[in-house]
């Protein structure tokens, strides 16, 4: 699985925007009749949302 616990994603707004962009682009792909890429981007949004909001530990805390 992807390791998204990077210092770049410490601010909450960056995590929220990343997940919303993934879901938004997946929606665009579904609307343009490209279900494969829609599933890919929605899946990325699910993985990112899980790692950012359910399984998140601050990367600065582990040092």
PDB file of N, CA and C in Angstrom:
ATOM      1  N   UNK A   1       0.847  -1.181   0.000  1.00  0.00           N
ATOM      2  CA  UNK A   1       0.000   0.000   0.000  1.00  0.00           C
ATOM      3  C   UNK A   1       0.890   1.242   0.000  1.00  0.00           C
ATOM      4  N   UNK A   2       0.342   2.348  -0.428  1.00  0.00           N
ATOM      5  CA  UNK A   2       1.092   3.593  -0.476  1.00  0.00           C
ATOM      6  C   UNK A   2       1.309   4.130   0.927  1.00  0.00           C
ATOM      7  N   UNK A   3       2.490   4.689   1.172  1.00  0.00           N
ATOM      8  CA  UNK A   3       2.767   5.329   2.449  1.00  0.00           C
ATOM      9  C   UNK A   3       2.604   6.834   2.258  1.00  0.00           C
ATOM     10  N   UNK A   4       1.512   7.372   2.735  1.00  0.00           N
ATOM     11  CA  UNK A   4       1.227   8.793   2.572  1.00  0.00           C
ATOM     12  C   UNK A   4       1.537   9.593   3.828  1.00  0.00           C
ATOM     13  N   UNK A   5       2.209   9.005   4.790  1.00  0.00           N
ATOM     14  CA  UNK A   5       2.548   9.704   6.029  1.00  0.00           C
ATOM     15  C   UNK A   5       3.833  10.500   5.831  1.00  0.00           C
ATOM     16  N   UNK A   6       3.709  11.556   5.052  1.00  0.00           N
ATOM     17  CA  UNK A   6       4.831  12.415   4.718  1.00  0.00           C
ATOM     18  C   UNK A   6       4.651  13.767   5.395  1.00  0.00           C
ATOM     19  N   UNK A   7       5.741  14.468   5.688  1.00  0.00           N
ATOM     20  CA  UNK A   7       5.605  15.801   6.293  1.00  0.00           C
ATOM     21  C   UNK A   7       4.809  16.779   5.432  1.00  0.00           C
ATOM     22  N   UNK A   8       4.789  16.574   4.117  1.00  0.00           N
ATOM     23  CA  UNK A   8       4.012  17.444   3.233  1.00  0.00           C
ATOM     24  C   UNK A   8       2.534  17.442   3.609  1.00  0.00           C
ATOM     25  N   UNK A   9       2.017  16.324   4.084  1.00  0.00           N
ATOM     26  CA  UNK A   9       0.595  16.190   4.386  1.00  0.00           C
ATOM     27  C   UNK A   9       0.244  16.501   5.838  1.00  0.00           C
ATOM     28  N   UNK A  10       1.141  17.125   6.590  1.00  0.00           N
ATOM     29  CA  UNK A  10       0.833  17.461   7.985  1.00  0.00           C
ATOM     30  C   UNK A  10      -0.349  18.424   8.115  1.00  0.00           C
ATOM     31  N   UNK A  11      -0.421  19.488   7.295  1.00  0.00           N
ATOM     32  CA  UNK A  11      -1.597  20.369   7.407  1.00  0.00           C
ATOM     33  C   UNK A  11      -2.866  19.644   6.967  1.00  0.00           C
ATOM     34  N   UNK A  12      -3.917  19.816   7.741  1.00  0.00           N
ATOM     35  CA  UNK A  12      -5.192  19.152   7.455  1.00  0.00           C
ATOM     36  C   UNK A  12      -5.748  19.545   6.097  1.00  0.00           C
ATOM     37  N   UNK A  13      -5.610  20.798   5.709  1.00  0.00           N
ATOM     38  CA  UNK A  13      -6.204  21.245   4.448  1.00  0.00           C
ATOM     39  C   UNK A  13      -5.617  20.513   3.254  1.00  0.00           C
ATOM     40  N   UNK A  14      -4.336  20.159   3.296  1.00  0.00           N
ATOM     41  CA  UNK A  14      -3.733  19.429   2.180  1.00  0.00           C
ATOM     42  C   UNK A  14      -4.293  18.013   2.075  1.00  0.00           C
ATOM     43  N   UNK A  15      -4.563  17.397   3.207  1.00  0.00           N
ATOM     44  CA  UNK A  15      -5.143  16.058   3.186  1.00  0.00           C
ATOM     45  C   UNK A  15      -6.563  16.090   2.655  1.00  0.00           C
ATOM     46  N   UNK A  16      -7.329  17.076   3.088  1.00  0.00           N
ATOM     47  CA  UNK A  16      -8.719  17.203   2.634  1.00  0.00           C
ATOM     48  C   UNK A  16      -8.766  17.472   1.132  1.00  0.00           C
ATOM     49  N   UNK A  17      -7.934  18.390   0.657  1.00  0.00           N
ATOM     50  CA  UNK A  17      -7.921  18.724  -0.766  1.00  0.00           C
ATOM     51  C   UNK A  17      -7.503  17.518  -1.606  1.00  0.00           C
ATOM     52  N   UNK A  18      -6.520  16.764  -1.140  1.00  0.00           N
ATOM     53  CA  UNK A  18      -6.067  15.590  -1.889  1.00  0.00           C
ATOM     54  C   UNK A  18      -7.192  14.574  -2.063  1.00  0.00           C
ATOM     55  N   UNK A  19      -7.921  14.304  -0.994  1.00  0.00           N
ATOM     56  CA  UNK A  19      -9.020  13.337  -1.065  1.00  0.00           C
ATOM     57  C   UNK A  19     -10.144  13.868  -1.954  1.00  0.00           C
ATOM     58  N   UNK A  20     -10.479  15.131  -1.812  1.00  0.00           N
ATOM     59  CA  UNK A  20     -11.550  15.706  -2.634  1.00  0.00           C
ATOM     60  C   UNK A  20     -11.191  15.734  -4.114  1.00  0.00           C
ATOM     61  N   UNK A  21      -9.934  16.014  -4.431  1.00  0.00           N
ATOM     62  CA  UNK A  21      -9.516  16.018  -5.832  1.00  0.00           C
ATOM     63  C   UNK A  21      -9.621  14.612  -6.425  1.00  0.00           C
ATOM     64  N   UNK A  22      -9.218  13.604  -5.662  1.00  0.00           N
ATOM     65  CA  UNK A  22      -9.323  12.226  -6.155  1.00  0.00           C
ATOM     66  C   UNK A  22     -10.778  11.849  -6.434  1.00  0.00           C
ATOM     67  N   UNK A  23     -11.665  12.140  -5.480  1.00  0.00           N
ATOM     68  CA  UNK A  23     -13.083  11.825  -5.690  1.00  0.00           C
ATOM     69  C   UNK A  23     -13.678  12.664  -6.821  1.00  0.00           C
ATOM     70  N   UNK A  24     -13.293  13.938  -6.882  1.00  0.00           N
ATOM     71  CA  UNK A  24     -13.798  14.804  -7.936  1.00  0.00           C
ATOM     72  C   UNK A  24     -13.368  14.347  -9.316  1.00  0.00           C
ATOM     73  N   UNK A  25     -12.108  13.978  -9.451  1.00  0.00           N
ATOM     74  CA  UNK A  25     -11.646  13.530 -10.758  1.00  0.00           C
ATOM     75  C   UNK A  25     -12.258  12.179 -11.133  1.00  0.00           C
ATOM     76  N   UNK A  26     -12.474  11.331 -10.136  1.00  0.00           N
ATOM     77  CA  UNK A  26     -13.177  10.079 -10.405  1.00  0.00           C
ATOM     78  C   UNK A  26     -14.577  10.326 -10.918  1.00  0.00           C
ATOM     79  N   UNK A  27     -15.249  11.315 -10.362  1.00  0.00           N
ATOM     80  CA  UNK A  27     -16.587  11.679 -10.815  1.00  0.00           C
ATOM     81  C   UNK A  27     -16.549  12.199 -12.252  1.00  0.00           C
ATOM     82  N   UNK A  28     -15.547  13.008 -12.566  1.00  0.00           N
ATOM     83  CA  UNK A  28     -15.399  13.509 -13.939  1.00  0.00           C
ATOM     84  C   UNK A  28     -15.201  12.347 -14.907  1.00  0.00           C
ATOM     85  N   UNK A  29     -14.385  11.386 -14.528  1.00  0.00           N
ATOM     86  CA  UNK A  29     -14.147  10.239 -15.407  1.00  0.00           C
ATOM     87  C   UNK A  29     -15.424   9.424 -15.618  1.00  0.00           C
ATOM     88  N   UNK A  30     -16.197   9.211 -14.552  1.00  0.00           N
ATOM     89  CA  UNK A  30     -17.471   8.504 -14.717  1.00  0.00           C
ATOM     90  C   UNK A  30     -18.418   9.293 -15.624  1.00  0.00           C
ATOM     91  N   UNK A  31     -18.433  10.617 -15.469  1.00  0.00           N
ATOM     92  CA  UNK A  31     -19.308  11.446 -16.286  1.00  0.00           C
ATOM     93  C   UNK A  31     -18.901  11.417 -17.758  1.00  0.00           C
ATOM     94  N   UNK A  32     -17.625  11.203 -18.025  1.00  0.00           N
ATOM     95  CA  UNK A  32     -17.128  11.139 -19.399  1.00  0.00           C
ATOM     96  C   UNK A  32     -17.108   9.718 -19.942  1.00  0.00           C
ATOM     97  N   UNK A  33     -17.826   8.832 -19.265  1.00  0.00           N
ATOM     98  CA  UNK A  33     -17.987   7.450 -19.709  1.00  0.00           C
ATOM     99  C   UNK A  33     -16.655   6.697 -19.770  1.00  0.00           C
ATOM    100  N   UNK A  34     -15.824   6.907 -18.729  1.00  0.00           N
ATOM    101  CA  UNK A  34     -14.554   6.195 -18.604  1.00  0.00           C
ATOM    102  C   UNK A  34     -14.532   5.515 -17.236  1.00  0.00           C
ATOM    103  N   UNK A  35     -15.274   4.411 -17.085  1.00  0.00           N
ATOM    104  CA  UNK A  35     -15.419   3.810 -15.760  1.00  0.00           C
ATOM    105  C   UNK A  35     -14.119   3.248 -15.181  1.00  0.00           C
ATOM    106  N   UNK A  36     -13.206   2.793 -16.021  1.00  0.00           N
ATOM    107  CA  UNK A  36     -11.951   2.258 -15.486  1.00  0.00           C
ATOM    108  C   UNK A  36     -11.199   3.326 -14.696  1.00  0.00           C
ATOM    109  N   UNK A  37     -11.008   4.493 -15.321  1.00  0.00           N
ATOM    110  CA  UNK A  37     -10.279   5.548 -14.637  1.00  0.00           C
ATOM    111  C   UNK A  37     -11.104   6.133 -13.486  1.00  0.00           C
ATOM    112  N   UNK A  38     -12.412   6.101 -13.603  1.00  0.00           N
ATOM    113  CA  UNK A  38     -13.247   6.525 -12.480  1.00  0.00           C
ATOM    114  C   UNK A  38     -13.033   5.645 -11.264  1.00  0.00           C
ATOM    115  N   UNK A  39     -12.977   4.337 -11.489  1.00  0.00           N
ATOM    116  CA  UNK A  39     -12.733   3.409 -10.385  1.00  0.00           C
ATOM    117  C   UNK A  39     -11.342   3.615  -9.812  1.00  0.00           C
ATOM    118  N   UNK A  40     -10.356   3.859 -10.677  1.00  0.00           N
ATOM    119  CA  UNK A  40      -8.982   4.076 -10.210  1.00  0.00           C
ATOM    120  C   UNK A  40      -8.916   5.297  -9.289  1.00  0.00           C
ATOM    121  N   UNK A  41      -9.488   6.414  -9.710  1.00  0.00           N
ATOM    122  CA  UNK A  41      -9.388   7.630  -8.918  1.00  0.00           C
ATOM    123  C   UNK A  41     -10.244   7.583  -7.661  1.00  0.00           C
ATOM    124  N   UNK A  42     -11.404   6.977  -7.733  1.00  0.00           N
ATOM    125  CA  UNK A  42     -12.217   6.829  -6.521  1.00  0.00           C
ATOM    126  C   UNK A  42     -11.499   5.895  -5.543  1.00  0.00           C
ATOM    127  N   UNK A  43     -10.868   4.843  -6.058  1.00  0.00           N
ATOM    128  CA  UNK A  43     -10.082   3.952  -5.199  1.00  0.00           C
ATOM    129  C   UNK A  43      -8.928   4.673  -4.537  1.00  0.00           C
ATOM    130  N   UNK A  44      -8.249   5.533  -5.286  1.00  0.00           N
ATOM    131  CA  UNK A  44      -7.176   6.331  -4.690  1.00  0.00           C
ATOM    132  C   UNK A  44      -7.720   7.251  -3.603  1.00  0.00           C
ATOM    133  N   UNK A  45      -8.897   7.806  -3.825  1.00  0.00           N
ATOM    134  CA  UNK A  45      -9.513   8.653  -2.810  1.00  0.00           C
ATOM    135  C   UNK A  45      -9.864   7.883  -1.556  1.00  0.00           C
ATOM    136  N   UNK A  46     -10.320   6.646  -1.727  1.00  0.00           N
ATOM    137  CA  UNK A  46     -10.647   5.811  -0.561  1.00  0.00           C
ATOM    138  C   UNK A  46      -9.381   5.481   0.223  1.00  0.00           C
ATOM    139  N   UNK A  47      -8.319   5.089  -0.483  1.00  0.00           N
ATOM    140  CA  UNK A  47      -7.056   4.763   0.194  1.00  0.00           C
ATOM    141  C   UNK A  47      -6.489   5.988   0.887  1.00  0.00           C
ATOM    142  N   UNK A  48      -6.492   7.129   0.204  1.00  0.00           N
ATOM    143  CA  UNK A  48      -5.977   8.357   0.805  1.00  0.00           C
ATOM    144  C   UNK A  48      -6.826   8.771   2.008  1.00  0.00           C
ATOM    145  N   UNK A  49      -8.138   8.676   1.886  1.00  0.00           N
ATOM    146  CA  UNK A  49      -9.010   9.025   3.015  1.00  0.00           C
ATOM    147  C   UNK A  49      -8.778   8.131   4.214  1.00  0.00           C
ATOM    148  N   UNK A  50      -8.588   6.852   3.969  1.00  0.00           N
ATOM    149  CA  UNK A  50      -8.308   5.925   5.065  1.00  0.00           C
ATOM    150  C   UNK A  50      -6.996   6.283   5.759  1.00  0.00           C
ATOM    151  N   UNK A  51      -5.953   6.526   4.971  1.00  0.00           N
ATOM    152  CA  UNK A  51      -4.658   6.824   5.576  1.00  0.00           C
ATOM    153  C   UNK A  51      -4.614   8.216   6.202  1.00  0.00           C
ATOM    154  N   UNK A  52      -5.352   9.165   5.643  1.00  0.00           N
ATOM    155  CA  UNK A  52      -5.308  10.529   6.161  1.00  0.00           C
ATOM    156  C   UNK A  52      -6.205  10.752   7.371  1.00  0.00           C
ATOM    157  N   UNK A  53      -7.311  10.041   7.476  1.00  0.00           N
ATOM    158  CA  UNK A  53      -8.273  10.362   8.514  1.00  0.00           C
ATOM    159  C   UNK A  53      -8.546   9.232   9.494  1.00  0.00           C
ATOM    160  N   UNK A  54      -8.326   8.002   9.120  1.00  0.00           N
ATOM    161  CA  UNK A  54      -8.576   6.881  10.030  1.00  0.00           C
ATOM    162  C   UNK A  54      -7.279   6.372  10.631  1.00  0.00           C
ATOM    163  N   UNK A  55      -6.247   6.249   9.808  1.00  0.00           N
ATOM    164  CA  UNK A  55      -4.996   5.637  10.239  1.00  0.00           C
ATOM    165  C   UNK A  55      -3.872   6.668  10.314  1.00  0.00           C
ATOM    166  N   UNK A  56      -4.166   7.918  10.560  1.00  0.00           N
ATOM    167  CA  UNK A  56      -3.172   8.976  10.516  1.00  0.00           C
ATOM    168  C   UNK A  56      -2.392   9.080  11.817  1.00  0.00           C
ATOM    169  N   UNK A  57      -1.086   9.120  11.701  1.00  0.00           N
ATOM    170  CA  UNK A  57      -0.206   9.503  12.798  1.00  0.00           C
ATOM    171  C   UNK A  57       0.708  10.578  12.257  1.00  0.00           C
ATOM    172  N   UNK A  58       0.935  11.600  13.040  1.00  0.00           N
ATOM    173  CA  UNK A  58       1.739  12.729  12.590  1.00  0.00           C
ATOM    174  C   UNK A  58       3.174  12.279  12.339  1.00  0.00           C
ATOM    175  N   UNK A  59       3.736  12.546  11.152  1.00  0.00           N
ATOM    176  CA  UNK A  59       5.094  12.100  10.852  1.00  0.00           C
ATOM    177  C   UNK A  59       6.139  12.729  11.777  1.00  0.00           C
ATOM    178  N   UNK A  60       5.848  13.872  12.350  1.00  0.00           N
ATOM    179  CA  UNK A  60       6.784  14.504  13.272  1.00  0.00           C
ATOM    180  C   UNK A  60       6.824  13.841  14.637  1.00  0.00           C
ATOM    181  N   UNK A  61       5.770  13.082  15.005  1.00  0.00           N
ATOM    182  CA  UNK A  61       5.712  12.424  16.305  1.00  0.00           C
ATOM    183  C   UNK A  61       6.604  11.205  16.393  1.00  0.00           C
ATOM    184  N   UNK A  62       6.955  10.593  15.257  1.00  0.00           N
ATOM    185  CA  UNK A  62       7.710   9.336  15.288  1.00  0.00           C
ATOM    186  C   UNK A  62       9.201   9.570  15.500  1.00  0.00           C
ATOM    187  N   UNK A  63       9.676  10.812  15.456  1.00  0.00           N
ATOM    188  CA  UNK A  63      11.113  11.071  15.610  1.00  0.00           C
ATOM    189  C   UNK A  63      11.499  11.143  17.025  1.00  0.00           C
TER     190      UNK A  63
END
